[in-house]
């Protein structure tokens, strides 16, 4: 379990209570996960949030979510990839374009579909004698990173 150390509330100038820290943790967790949605990123870009230096600094601050002690709470780890990309001004500028965010969204869906298909193939035994280990070994020998190796015997 994550222990909540007392932080500092910069607005009021007093130390943060454990309840305030817990609430900030939950809000930041939810926001970081929202960054995994390209349509939300497009929404933020079109409203000029990525031009605000305070907001860009906040995105930099949120990089602590990449640490294993925090990342384990993320349900959508793809958000960390987008958080990394948001550190680059060029990427933030491109997100204003709806076609760009649509392309990213399409690529994300294709990745999930590929991952799901490949995972189900690896976990489902196709061998009729029930030898799952032999089936997995055969699949691993025939595929490497989703590419089929043509072996000449």
N, C-alpha and C. Protein backbone atom coordinates (compact mmCIF):
# COMPACT_ATOMS: atom_id res chain seq x y z
N UNK A 1 0.84 -1.18 0.00
CA UNK A 1 0.00 0.00 0.00
C UNK A 1 0.88 1.23 0.00
N UNK A 2 0.45 2.23 -0.72
CA UNK A 2 1.19 3.48 -0.82
C UNK A 2 0.96 4.29 0.44
N UNK A 3 2.02 4.71 1.07
CA UNK A 3 1.87 5.55 2.25
C UNK A 3 1.84 7.00 1.80
N UNK A 4 0.96 7.75 2.38
CA UNK A 4 0.79 9.14 2.00
C UNK A 4 1.59 10.03 2.95
N UNK A 5 2.67 10.56 2.44
CA UNK A 5 3.46 11.49 3.22
C UNK A 5 2.79 12.85 3.16
N UNK A 6 2.98 13.61 4.17
CA UNK A 6 2.38 14.94 4.17
C UNK A 6 3.11 15.83 3.21
N UNK A 7 2.35 16.45 2.31
CA UNK A 7 2.91 17.36 1.32
C UNK A 7 2.75 18.79 1.78
N UNK A 8 2.92 19.68 0.87
CA UNK A 8 2.83 21.09 1.17
C UNK A 8 1.79 21.72 0.27
N UNK A 9 0.85 22.42 0.87
CA UNK A 9 -0.18 23.11 0.11
C UNK A 9 0.34 24.50 -0.20
N UNK A 10 0.73 24.72 -1.46
CA UNK A 10 1.37 25.98 -1.84
C UNK A 10 0.38 27.14 -1.90
N UNK A 11 -0.91 26.85 -2.02
CA UNK A 11 -1.89 27.93 -2.07
C UNK A 11 -2.12 28.53 -0.69
N UNK A 12 -2.27 27.69 0.32
CA UNK A 12 -2.54 28.20 1.66
C UNK A 12 -1.28 28.40 2.47
N UNK A 13 -0.16 27.80 2.05
CA UNK A 13 1.10 27.97 2.75
C UNK A 13 1.23 27.11 4.00
N UNK A 14 0.36 26.12 4.13
CA UNK A 14 0.43 25.22 5.29
C UNK A 14 0.60 23.79 4.80
N UNK A 15 1.12 22.92 5.67
CA UNK A 15 1.28 21.52 5.26
C UNK A 15 -0.07 20.89 4.90
N UNK A 16 -0.01 19.98 3.97
CA UNK A 16 -1.20 19.27 3.47
C UNK A 16 -1.58 18.16 4.46
N UNK A 17 -2.86 18.02 4.72
CA UNK A 17 -3.31 16.92 5.59
C UNK A 17 -3.28 15.62 4.80
N UNK A 18 -3.39 14.51 5.52
CA UNK A 18 -3.39 13.21 4.84
C UNK A 18 -4.60 13.09 3.92
N UNK A 19 -5.74 13.60 4.32
CA UNK A 19 -6.95 13.55 3.49
C UNK A 19 -6.77 14.40 2.22
N UNK A 20 -6.17 15.57 2.34
CA UNK A 20 -5.91 16.42 1.17
C UNK A 20 -4.93 15.73 0.22
N UNK A 21 -3.93 15.07 0.79
CA UNK A 21 -2.94 14.37 -0.02
C UNK A 21 -3.60 13.20 -0.77
N UNK A 22 -4.47 12.47 -0.08
CA UNK A 22 -5.18 11.35 -0.70
C UNK A 22 -6.07 11.85 -1.85
N UNK A 23 -6.74 12.96 -1.64
CA UNK A 23 -7.60 13.54 -2.68
C UNK A 23 -6.77 13.98 -3.88
N UNK A 24 -5.62 14.63 -3.63
CA UNK A 24 -4.74 15.05 -4.73
C UNK A 24 -4.23 13.83 -5.51
N UNK A 25 -3.90 12.76 -4.78
CA UNK A 25 -3.46 11.53 -5.43
C UNK A 25 -4.55 11.00 -6.37
N UNK A 26 -5.78 10.97 -5.92
CA UNK A 26 -6.89 10.46 -6.72
C UNK A 26 -7.15 11.34 -7.94
N UNK A 27 -7.11 12.65 -7.75
CA UNK A 27 -7.36 13.58 -8.85
C UNK A 27 -6.25 13.46 -9.90
N UNK A 28 -5.00 13.41 -9.45
CA UNK A 28 -3.88 13.29 -10.39
C UNK A 28 -3.90 11.94 -11.10
N UNK A 29 -4.27 10.87 -10.39
CA UNK A 29 -4.39 9.55 -11.01
C UNK A 29 -5.42 9.58 -12.13
N UNK A 30 -6.57 10.17 -11.84
CA UNK A 30 -7.63 10.25 -12.86
C UNK A 30 -7.19 11.10 -14.05
N UNK A 31 -6.54 12.22 -13.78
CA UNK A 31 -6.11 13.10 -14.87
C UNK A 31 -5.06 12.43 -15.74
N UNK A 32 -4.07 11.78 -15.11
CA UNK A 32 -3.01 11.12 -15.88
C UNK A 32 -3.62 10.05 -16.79
N UNK A 33 -4.61 9.32 -16.29
CA UNK A 33 -5.24 8.29 -17.11
C UNK A 33 -6.05 8.89 -18.25
N UNK A 34 -6.60 10.07 -18.05
CA UNK A 34 -7.32 10.76 -19.13
C UNK A 34 -6.38 11.11 -20.28
N UNK A 35 -5.09 11.26 -19.98
CA UNK A 35 -4.13 11.58 -21.03
C UNK A 35 -3.93 10.43 -22.01
N UNK A 36 -4.45 9.27 -21.70
CA UNK A 36 -4.39 8.14 -22.61
C UNK A 36 -5.46 8.20 -23.70
N UNK A 37 -6.29 9.22 -23.66
CA UNK A 37 -7.37 9.38 -24.64
C UNK A 37 -6.99 10.48 -25.64
N UNK A 38 -6.68 10.13 -26.88
CA UNK A 38 -6.28 11.13 -27.88
C UNK A 38 -7.35 12.19 -28.13
N UNK A 39 -8.62 11.83 -27.98
CA UNK A 39 -9.68 12.82 -28.17
C UNK A 39 -9.66 13.87 -27.07
N UNK A 40 -9.34 13.46 -25.85
CA UNK A 40 -9.21 14.41 -24.75
C UNK A 40 -7.99 15.31 -24.97
N UNK A 41 -6.92 14.74 -25.48
CA UNK A 41 -5.73 15.55 -25.77
C UNK A 41 -6.05 16.59 -26.84
N UNK A 42 -6.83 16.20 -27.84
CA UNK A 42 -7.26 17.14 -28.87
C UNK A 42 -8.12 18.25 -28.25
N UNK A 43 -9.00 17.89 -27.35
CA UNK A 43 -9.84 18.86 -26.64
C UNK A 43 -8.98 19.88 -25.89
N UNK A 44 -7.97 19.39 -25.16
CA UNK A 44 -7.08 20.29 -24.42
C UNK A 44 -6.30 21.20 -25.36
N UNK A 45 -5.83 20.63 -26.47
CA UNK A 45 -5.03 21.40 -27.43
C UNK A 45 -5.87 22.49 -28.08
N UNK A 46 -7.10 22.17 -28.46
CA UNK A 46 -7.95 23.15 -29.13
C UNK A 46 -8.34 24.30 -28.20
N UNK A 47 -8.32 24.07 -26.91
CA UNK A 47 -8.65 25.12 -25.95
C UNK A 47 -7.42 25.85 -25.42
N UNK A 48 -6.25 25.53 -25.98
CA UNK A 48 -5.04 26.29 -25.68
C UNK A 48 -4.31 25.91 -24.41
N UNK A 49 -4.68 24.83 -23.77
CA UNK A 49 -4.00 24.44 -22.54
C UNK A 49 -2.52 24.16 -22.75
N UNK A 50 -2.17 23.61 -23.90
CA UNK A 50 -0.77 23.24 -24.15
C UNK A 50 0.10 24.45 -24.47
N UNK A 51 -0.51 25.62 -24.61
CA UNK A 51 0.27 26.85 -24.81
C UNK A 51 0.57 27.55 -23.49
N UNK A 52 -0.10 27.12 -22.45
CA UNK A 52 0.06 27.70 -21.11
C UNK A 52 1.27 27.06 -20.42
N UNK A 53 2.28 27.87 -20.09
CA UNK A 53 3.51 27.33 -19.50
C UNK A 53 3.24 26.68 -18.13
N UNK A 54 2.27 27.17 -17.40
CA UNK A 54 1.94 26.57 -16.10
C UNK A 54 1.41 25.15 -16.30
N UNK A 55 0.57 24.98 -17.30
CA UNK A 55 0.01 23.65 -17.59
C UNK A 55 1.11 22.71 -18.08
N UNK A 56 2.00 23.21 -18.92
CA UNK A 56 3.12 22.39 -19.42
C UNK A 56 4.02 21.97 -18.24
N UNK A 57 4.24 22.86 -17.30
CA UNK A 57 5.03 22.52 -16.11
C UNK A 57 4.32 21.46 -15.27
N UNK A 58 2.99 21.55 -15.22
CA UNK A 58 2.20 20.55 -14.49
C UNK A 58 2.37 19.17 -15.14
N UNK A 59 2.39 19.14 -16.47
CA UNK A 59 2.61 17.87 -17.18
C UNK A 59 3.99 17.30 -16.86
N UNK A 60 4.96 18.18 -16.72
CA UNK A 60 6.31 17.74 -16.37
C UNK A 60 6.33 17.19 -14.94
N UNK A 61 5.61 17.86 -14.05
CA UNK A 61 5.50 17.40 -12.66
C UNK A 61 4.88 16.00 -12.59
N UNK A 62 3.92 15.72 -13.46
CA UNK A 62 3.20 14.44 -13.43
C UNK A 62 4.05 13.25 -13.87
N UNK A 63 5.26 13.49 -14.34
CA UNK A 63 6.14 12.40 -14.76
C UNK A 63 6.48 11.44 -13.61
N UNK A 64 6.22 11.85 -12.37
CA UNK A 64 6.48 10.95 -11.25
C UNK A 64 5.60 9.70 -11.33
N UNK A 65 4.53 9.74 -12.13
CA UNK A 65 3.66 8.58 -12.28
C UNK A 65 4.36 7.43 -13.01
N UNK A 66 5.49 7.69 -13.61
CA UNK A 66 6.25 6.63 -14.29
C UNK A 66 7.00 5.75 -13.28
N UNK A 67 7.14 6.21 -12.07
CA UNK A 67 7.81 5.43 -11.03
C UNK A 67 6.94 4.22 -10.68
N UNK A 68 7.56 3.04 -10.51
CA UNK A 68 6.78 1.81 -10.26
C UNK A 68 5.82 1.91 -9.07
N UNK A 69 6.21 2.64 -8.03
CA UNK A 69 5.34 2.73 -6.85
C UNK A 69 4.04 3.47 -7.15
N UNK A 70 4.01 4.28 -8.20
CA UNK A 70 2.79 4.98 -8.62
C UNK A 70 2.16 4.31 -9.84
N UNK A 71 2.98 3.87 -10.77
CA UNK A 71 2.48 3.29 -12.02
C UNK A 71 1.61 2.06 -11.77
N UNK A 72 1.84 1.36 -10.68
CA UNK A 72 1.05 0.16 -10.41
C UNK A 72 -0.43 0.47 -10.18
N UNK A 73 -0.77 1.73 -9.94
CA UNK A 73 -2.17 2.11 -9.74
C UNK A 73 -2.88 2.46 -11.05
N UNK A 74 -2.14 2.56 -12.14
CA UNK A 74 -2.72 2.94 -13.42
C UNK A 74 -3.44 1.76 -14.07
N UNK A 75 -4.64 2.01 -14.52
CA UNK A 75 -5.40 0.99 -15.24
C UNK A 75 -5.09 1.03 -16.72
N UNK A 76 -4.71 2.20 -17.23
CA UNK A 76 -4.41 2.40 -18.65
C UNK A 76 -2.97 2.89 -18.80
N UNK A 77 -2.01 1.97 -18.85
CA UNK A 77 -0.60 2.39 -18.90
C UNK A 77 -0.22 3.15 -20.16
N UNK A 78 -1.04 3.11 -21.21
CA UNK A 78 -0.76 3.87 -22.42
C UNK A 78 -0.68 5.37 -22.11
N UNK A 79 -1.33 5.79 -21.04
CA UNK A 79 -1.30 7.21 -20.67
C UNK A 79 0.12 7.69 -20.39
N UNK A 80 0.98 6.81 -19.90
CA UNK A 80 2.37 7.20 -19.63
C UNK A 80 3.12 7.50 -20.92
N UNK A 81 2.80 6.77 -21.96
CA UNK A 81 3.42 7.02 -23.26
C UNK A 81 3.02 8.42 -23.76
N UNK A 82 1.74 8.74 -23.64
CA UNK A 82 1.28 10.06 -24.06
C UNK A 82 1.83 11.16 -23.16
N UNK A 83 1.96 10.87 -21.87
CA UNK A 83 2.55 11.85 -20.95
C UNK A 83 3.98 12.17 -21.38
N UNK A 84 4.73 11.15 -21.81
CA UNK A 84 6.08 11.38 -22.33
C UNK A 84 6.04 12.25 -23.59
N UNK A 85 5.14 11.92 -24.51
CA UNK A 85 5.05 12.68 -25.76
C UNK A 85 4.64 14.12 -25.52
N UNK A 86 3.83 14.35 -24.50
CA UNK A 86 3.37 15.72 -24.20
C UNK A 86 4.50 16.61 -23.69
N UNK A 87 5.64 16.04 -23.41
CA UNK A 87 6.79 16.85 -22.99
C UNK A 87 7.40 17.58 -24.19
N UNK A 88 7.02 17.18 -25.41
CA UNK A 88 7.56 17.77 -26.63
C UNK A 88 6.58 18.78 -27.22
N UNK A 89 7.06 19.98 -27.45
CA UNK A 89 6.22 21.05 -27.97
C UNK A 89 5.62 20.69 -29.33
N UNK A 90 6.39 20.05 -30.18
CA UNK A 90 5.90 19.69 -31.51
C UNK A 90 4.66 18.78 -31.42
N UNK A 91 4.71 17.80 -30.54
CA UNK A 91 3.57 16.90 -30.35
C UNK A 91 2.36 17.68 -29.84
N UNK A 92 2.59 18.56 -28.87
CA UNK A 92 1.47 19.36 -28.33
C UNK A 92 0.84 20.22 -29.42
N UNK A 93 1.66 20.79 -30.30
CA UNK A 93 1.14 21.62 -31.40
C UNK A 93 0.31 20.79 -32.38
N UNK A 94 0.76 19.60 -32.70
CA UNK A 94 0.07 18.75 -33.67
C UNK A 94 -1.29 18.27 -33.18
N UNK A 95 -1.47 18.19 -31.86
CA UNK A 95 -2.72 17.68 -31.31
C UNK A 95 -3.92 18.60 -31.58
N UNK A 96 -3.68 19.83 -31.98
CA UNK A 96 -4.77 20.75 -32.31
C UNK A 96 -5.53 20.21 -33.53
N UNK A 97 -4.82 19.55 -34.41
CA UNK A 97 -5.40 18.99 -35.63
C UNK A 97 -6.22 17.74 -35.28
N UNK A 98 -7.51 17.77 -35.58
CA UNK A 98 -8.40 16.64 -35.28
C UNK A 98 -7.98 15.39 -36.04
N UNK A 99 -7.43 15.56 -37.25
CA UNK A 99 -6.99 14.40 -38.03
C UNK A 99 -5.82 13.69 -37.35
N UNK A 100 -4.97 14.46 -36.72
CA UNK A 100 -3.83 13.89 -35.99
C UNK A 100 -4.33 13.05 -34.82
N UNK A 101 -5.24 13.58 -34.03
CA UNK A 101 -5.74 12.83 -32.89
C UNK A 101 -6.54 11.61 -33.35
N UNK A 102 -7.24 11.72 -34.47
CA UNK A 102 -7.98 10.58 -35.02
C UNK A 102 -7.01 9.49 -35.44
N UNK A 103 -5.90 9.87 -36.09
CA UNK A 103 -4.88 8.90 -36.50
C UNK A 103 -4.31 8.19 -35.27
N UNK A 104 -3.99 8.96 -34.23
CA UNK A 104 -3.44 8.37 -33.01
C UNK A 104 -4.46 7.41 -32.39
N UNK A 105 -5.71 7.82 -32.36
CA UNK A 105 -6.78 6.98 -31.81
C UNK A 105 -6.89 5.67 -32.60
N UNK A 106 -6.86 5.76 -33.93
CA UNK A 106 -6.94 4.56 -34.77
C UNK A 106 -5.75 3.63 -34.51
N UNK A 107 -4.55 4.20 -34.40
CA UNK A 107 -3.36 3.39 -34.15
C UNK A 107 -3.44 2.71 -32.78
N UNK A 108 -3.97 3.41 -31.83
CA UNK A 108 -4.13 2.86 -30.48
C UNK A 108 -5.10 1.67 -30.50
N UNK A 109 -6.19 1.80 -31.22
CA UNK A 109 -7.16 0.70 -31.33
C UNK A 109 -6.54 -0.50 -32.04
N UNK A 110 -5.79 -0.24 -33.12
CA UNK A 110 -5.13 -1.33 -33.83
C UNK A 110 -4.12 -2.06 -32.93
N UNK A 111 -3.40 -1.31 -32.12
CA UNK A 111 -2.45 -1.92 -31.18
C UNK A 111 -3.18 -2.81 -30.19
N UNK A 112 -4.29 -2.33 -29.63
CA UNK A 112 -5.05 -3.13 -28.68
C UNK A 112 -5.60 -4.39 -29.34
N UNK A 113 -6.10 -4.26 -30.57
CA UNK A 113 -6.64 -5.42 -31.27
C UNK A 113 -5.54 -6.46 -31.52
N UNK A 114 -4.38 -5.99 -31.96
CA UNK A 114 -3.26 -6.90 -32.21
C UNK A 114 -2.83 -7.58 -30.91
N UNK A 115 -2.72 -6.82 -29.85
CA UNK A 115 -2.31 -7.36 -28.56
C UNK A 115 -3.31 -8.40 -28.07
N UNK A 116 -4.61 -8.08 -28.20
CA UNK A 116 -5.65 -9.00 -27.74
C UNK A 116 -5.63 -10.29 -28.54
N UNK A 117 -5.52 -10.18 -29.88
CA UNK A 117 -5.48 -11.37 -30.72
C UNK A 117 -4.25 -12.22 -30.40
N UNK A 118 -3.13 -11.58 -30.28
CA UNK A 118 -1.89 -12.33 -30.03
C UNK A 118 -1.93 -12.99 -28.65
N UNK A 119 -2.43 -12.27 -27.67
CA UNK A 119 -2.53 -12.82 -26.32
C UNK A 119 -3.47 -14.03 -26.28
N UNK A 120 -4.61 -13.91 -26.94
CA UNK A 120 -5.55 -15.03 -26.94
C UNK A 120 -4.97 -16.23 -27.68
N UNK A 121 -4.20 -15.98 -28.74
CA UNK A 121 -3.55 -17.07 -29.46
C UNK A 121 -2.53 -17.78 -28.58
N UNK A 122 -1.81 -17.01 -27.80
CA UNK A 122 -0.78 -17.61 -26.93
C UNK A 122 -1.40 -18.36 -25.75
N UNK A 123 -2.55 -17.91 -25.30
CA UNK A 123 -3.17 -18.53 -24.13
C UNK A 123 -4.12 -19.67 -24.47
N UNK A 124 -4.55 -19.75 -25.72
CA UNK A 124 -5.49 -20.79 -26.13
C UNK A 124 -4.74 -21.93 -26.79
N UNK A 125 -4.82 -23.13 -26.20
CA UNK A 125 -4.14 -24.26 -26.83
C UNK A 125 -4.90 -24.70 -28.09
N UNK A 126 -4.16 -24.87 -29.18
CA UNK A 126 -4.78 -25.31 -30.42
C UNK A 126 -4.47 -26.77 -30.71
N UNK A 127 -3.65 -27.34 -29.87
CA UNK A 127 -3.25 -28.73 -30.03
C UNK A 127 -4.33 -29.63 -29.45
N UNK A 128 -4.75 -30.65 -30.16
CA UNK A 128 -5.85 -31.51 -29.72
C UNK A 128 -5.46 -32.45 -28.59
N UNK A 129 -4.18 -32.76 -28.42
CA UNK A 129 -3.79 -33.67 -27.34
C UNK A 129 -3.63 -32.95 -26.00
N UNK A 130 -3.89 -31.64 -25.97
CA UNK A 130 -3.88 -30.90 -24.71
C UNK A 130 -2.50 -30.48 -24.25
N UNK A 131 -1.50 -30.60 -25.08
CA UNK A 131 -0.15 -30.24 -24.70
C UNK A 131 0.06 -28.75 -24.97
N UNK A 132 -0.31 -27.91 -24.01
CA UNK A 132 -0.24 -26.46 -24.16
C UNK A 132 1.20 -25.99 -24.31
N UNK A 133 2.12 -26.59 -23.56
CA UNK A 133 3.52 -26.16 -23.62
C UNK A 133 4.09 -26.34 -25.02
N UNK A 134 3.78 -27.47 -25.65
CA UNK A 134 4.27 -27.72 -27.01
C UNK A 134 3.67 -26.71 -27.98
N UNK A 135 2.39 -26.39 -27.81
CA UNK A 135 1.73 -25.41 -28.67
C UNK A 135 2.38 -24.05 -28.53
N UNK A 136 2.65 -23.62 -27.28
CA UNK A 136 3.28 -22.32 -27.06
C UNK A 136 4.69 -22.29 -27.65
N UNK A 137 5.42 -23.38 -27.50
CA UNK A 137 6.77 -23.44 -28.07
C UNK A 137 6.72 -23.34 -29.59
N UNK A 138 5.77 -24.01 -30.21
CA UNK A 138 5.63 -23.94 -31.66
C UNK A 138 5.30 -22.52 -32.11
N UNK A 139 4.41 -21.86 -31.38
CA UNK A 139 4.04 -20.49 -31.74
C UNK A 139 5.23 -19.55 -31.56
N UNK A 140 5.98 -19.73 -30.48
CA UNK A 140 7.13 -18.87 -30.25
C UNK A 140 8.21 -19.10 -31.29
N UNK A 141 8.36 -20.32 -31.77
CA UNK A 141 9.35 -20.61 -32.80
C UNK A 141 8.93 -20.03 -34.15
N UNK A 142 7.64 -19.94 -34.39
CA UNK A 142 7.14 -19.46 -35.68
C UNK A 142 6.97 -17.95 -35.74
N UNK A 143 6.95 -17.27 -34.58
CA UNK A 143 6.70 -15.84 -34.57
C UNK A 143 7.76 -15.13 -33.76
N UNK A 144 8.07 -13.95 -34.19
CA UNK A 144 8.98 -13.09 -33.46
C UNK A 144 8.47 -11.67 -33.60
N UNK A 145 7.98 -11.09 -32.51
CA UNK A 145 7.42 -9.74 -32.52
C UNK A 145 6.33 -9.56 -33.55
N UNK A 146 5.50 -10.57 -33.72
CA UNK A 146 4.38 -10.47 -34.63
C UNK A 146 4.74 -10.76 -36.07
N UNK A 147 6.00 -11.05 -36.37
CA UNK A 147 6.42 -11.36 -37.73
C UNK A 147 6.66 -12.85 -37.84
N UNK A 148 6.24 -13.42 -38.93
CA UNK A 148 6.43 -14.84 -39.14
C UNK A 148 7.81 -15.05 -39.76
N UNK A 149 8.55 -15.97 -39.16
CA UNK A 149 9.87 -16.31 -39.68
C UNK A 149 9.72 -17.49 -40.63
N UNK A 150 10.09 -17.31 -41.86
CA UNK A 150 10.07 -18.40 -42.82
C UNK A 150 11.37 -19.16 -42.70
N UNK A 151 11.28 -20.35 -42.13
CA UNK A 151 12.47 -21.17 -41.94
C UNK A 151 12.53 -22.20 -43.06
N UNK A 152 13.66 -22.30 -43.67
CA UNK A 152 13.87 -23.28 -44.73
C UNK A 152 14.60 -24.47 -44.12
N UNK A 153 14.00 -25.65 -44.23
CA UNK A 153 14.63 -26.84 -43.64
C UNK A 153 15.39 -27.61 -44.68
